[in-house]
Amino acid sequence: MEYTLIFKAAVPAIILACASLSVNAQKIDEQKLKLNVSKISNPLQQLQHLDPVTFSYNQDQYKALKLPDGNQYGFLASNLQSQYPGMVYEASKIYNAGKNNSRVAKYDEVRSQDLIPVLVAAVKEQQAEIESLKKELMLLKERSK
């Protein structure tokens, strides 16, 4: 009798598992998924306003937040906010503030990985300028012969 009960419970579970494996995933076209796509303009000019920094978190005062130890590399949110406001967000962490007492700490955080496309655009802009200067230099060398 026990085996019948187990069998009755196991069969629907197996059927559900098989059904979930056979479900077709929907592939969404990137052109439909991403709206208002535009090239990053003036990346070098914008990057020149940023000040990369090294820092360490105040572990003594904010132990409960369990922030990373050691030297960190990044940007101050206050510096990045003016050029790239979308890369700064308000992070929050729930921490234990005593017996049966939790609190939420909120602070500005930088999504550093969002800078990668800007850096690529800046490298491409610099490379175009380098190529232009190379051509100009070759023309000057040819004229001076």
Protein backbone atom coordinates (compact mmCIF):
# COMPACT_ATOMS: atom_id res chain seq x y z
CA MET A 1 0.00 0.00 0.00
CA GLU A 2 2.84 2.39 0.81
CA TYR A 3 4.42 1.65 -2.56
CA THR A 4 1.18 2.53 -4.35
CA LEU A 5 1.10 5.92 -2.63
CA ILE A 6 4.74 6.63 -3.50
CA PHE A 7 4.13 5.49 -7.09
CA LYS A 8 1.08 7.75 -7.40
CA ALA A 9 3.14 10.75 -6.21
CA ALA A 10 6.19 9.90 -8.30
CA VAL A 11 4.40 9.53 -11.65
CA PRO A 12 3.11 13.13 -11.81
CA ALA A 13 6.52 14.42 -10.71
CA ILE A 14 8.23 12.48 -13.50
CA ILE A 15 5.68 13.70 -16.05
CA LEU A 16 6.19 17.31 -14.95
CA ALA A 17 9.97 16.94 -15.13
CA CYS A 18 9.77 15.52 -18.67
CA ALA A 19 7.35 18.24 -19.75
CA SER A 20 9.62 20.97 -18.45
CA LEU A 21 12.53 19.54 -20.42
CA SER A 22 10.55 19.53 -23.65
CA VAL A 23 9.34 23.13 -23.40
CA ASN A 24 10.69 25.19 -26.26
CA ALA A 25 12.60 28.30 -25.29
CA GLN A 26 11.61 31.47 -27.07
CA LYS A 27 14.47 33.16 -28.90
CA ILE A 28 13.93 36.91 -28.86
CA ASP A 29 15.51 38.92 -31.66
CA GLU A 30 17.94 41.51 -30.32
CA GLN A 31 16.50 44.18 -32.62
CA LYS A 32 13.11 43.73 -30.94
CA LEU A 33 14.51 43.44 -27.44
CA LYS A 34 16.68 46.58 -27.44
CA LEU A 35 15.07 49.93 -28.19
CA ASN A 36 16.57 53.40 -28.77
CA VAL A 37 19.97 51.98 -29.77
CA SER A 38 22.51 54.69 -30.54
CA LYS A 39 26.26 54.98 -30.72
CA ILE A 40 28.15 56.33 -27.73
CA SER A 41 29.16 59.88 -28.56
CA ASN A 42 32.27 61.66 -27.30
CA PRO A 43 33.51 58.78 -25.16
CA LEU A 44 37.03 60.22 -24.75
CA GLN A 45 35.69 63.56 -23.63
CA GLN A 46 33.40 61.94 -21.07
CA LEU A 47 36.09 59.58 -19.77
CA GLN A 48 38.50 62.45 -19.19
CA HIS A 49 36.17 63.73 -16.47
CA LEU A 50 36.38 60.49 -14.51
CA ASP A 51 38.89 59.88 -11.77
CA PRO A 52 39.69 56.20 -11.22
CA VAL A 53 40.60 55.55 -7.59
CA THR A 54 41.81 52.86 -5.26
CA PHE A 55 40.12 52.54 -1.91
CA SER A 56 39.29 50.19 0.90
CA TYR A 57 35.97 49.86 2.66
CA ASN A 58 35.59 51.04 6.25
CA GLN A 59 35.53 47.57 7.79
CA ASP A 60 35.65 48.86 11.37
CA GLN A 61 32.51 50.96 11.19
CA TYR A 62 30.55 48.77 8.74
CA LYS A 63 31.47 45.19 9.72
CA ALA A 64 27.85 44.07 9.52
CA LEU A 65 27.71 44.88 5.78
CA LYS A 66 30.44 42.30 5.05
CA LEU A 67 32.06 44.46 2.38
CA PRO A 68 35.11 43.14 0.50
CA ASP A 69 38.48 43.32 2.25
CA GLY A 70 41.62 44.86 0.85
CA ASN A 71 42.42 47.34 -1.84
CA GLN A 72 39.61 47.97 -4.35
CA TYR A 73 39.72 49.65 -7.75
CA GLY A 74 36.88 51.71 -9.07
CA PHE A 75 35.20 55.09 -9.11
CA LEU A 76 33.49 57.26 -6.57
CA ALA A 77 29.79 57.29 -7.34
CA SER A 78 29.75 61.06 -6.83
CA ASN A 79 32.36 61.46 -9.61
CA LEU A 80 30.69 59.09 -12.06
CA GLN A 81 27.17 60.42 -11.47
CA SER A 82 27.73 63.61 -13.50
CA GLN A 83 28.87 61.84 -16.69
CA TYR A 84 27.01 58.52 -16.45
CA PRO A 85 24.04 58.79 -14.08
CA GLY A 86 22.68 55.43 -15.28
CA MET A 87 25.77 53.64 -13.99
CA VAL A 88 25.15 54.71 -10.40
CA TYR A 89 22.43 53.00 -8.41
CA GLU A 90 21.32 52.83 -4.82
CA ALA A 91 22.40 49.51 -3.34
CA SER A 92 20.96 48.16 -0.15
CA LYS A 93 22.02 45.45 2.25
CA ILE A 94 20.06 43.98 5.10
CA TYR A 95 22.21 43.36 8.15
CA ASN A 96 21.73 42.06 11.65
CA ALA A 97 21.69 44.90 14.17
CA GLY A 98 21.13 42.78 17.26
CA LYS A 99 18.86 40.06 18.52
CA ASN A 100 15.74 39.92 16.33
CA ASN A 101 16.65 43.31 14.85
CA SER A 102 17.51 43.79 11.17
CA ARG A 103 18.33 47.04 9.45
CA VAL A 104 18.82 48.14 5.87
CA ALA A 105 21.88 50.11 4.82
CA LYS A 106 21.59 52.09 1.57
CA TYR A 107 24.51 53.54 -0.34
CA ASP A 108 25.42 54.56 -3.88
CA GLU A 109 27.20 51.90 -5.92
CA VAL A 110 28.82 51.99 -9.37
CA ARG A 111 28.15 49.41 -12.08
CA SER A 112 31.74 49.39 -13.33
CA GLN A 113 31.07 46.74 -15.98
CA ASP A 114 28.79 49.24 -17.74
CA LEU A 115 31.90 51.29 -18.55
CA ILE A 116 33.22 48.58 -20.89
CA PRO A 117 31.23 49.74 -23.96
CA VAL A 118 32.34 53.33 -23.31
CA LEU A 119 35.97 52.21 -23.09
CA VAL A 120 35.66 50.27 -26.35
CA ALA A 121 34.14 53.32 -28.04
CA ALA A 122 36.98 55.48 -26.69
CA VAL A 123 39.65 53.05 -27.96
CA LYS A 124 38.01 53.04 -31.39
CA GLU A 125 37.90 56.86 -31.39
CA GLN A 126 41.57 57.03 -30.40
CA GLN A 127 42.54 54.46 -33.04
CA ALA A 128 40.78 56.47 -35.75
CA GLU A 129 42.68 59.55 -34.62
CA ILE A 130 45.98 57.62 -34.61
CA GLU A 131 45.33 56.35 -38.16
CA SER A 132 44.53 59.87 -39.32
CA LEU A 133 47.74 61.20 -37.76
CA LYS A 134 49.77 58.40 -39.37
CA LYS A 135 48.42 59.33 -42.81
CA GLU A 136 49.16 62.99 -42.18
CA LEU A 137 52.69 62.15 -41.05
CA MET A 138 53.32 60.03 -44.16
CA LEU A 139 52.09 62.87 -46.39
CA LEU A 140 54.41 65.31 -44.62
CA LYS A 141 57.34 62.92 -45.02
CA GLU A 142 56.64 62.49 -48.73
CA ARG A 143 56.42 66.27 -49.27
CA SER A 144 59.69 66.90 -47.45
CA LYS A 145 61.67 64.57 -49.78
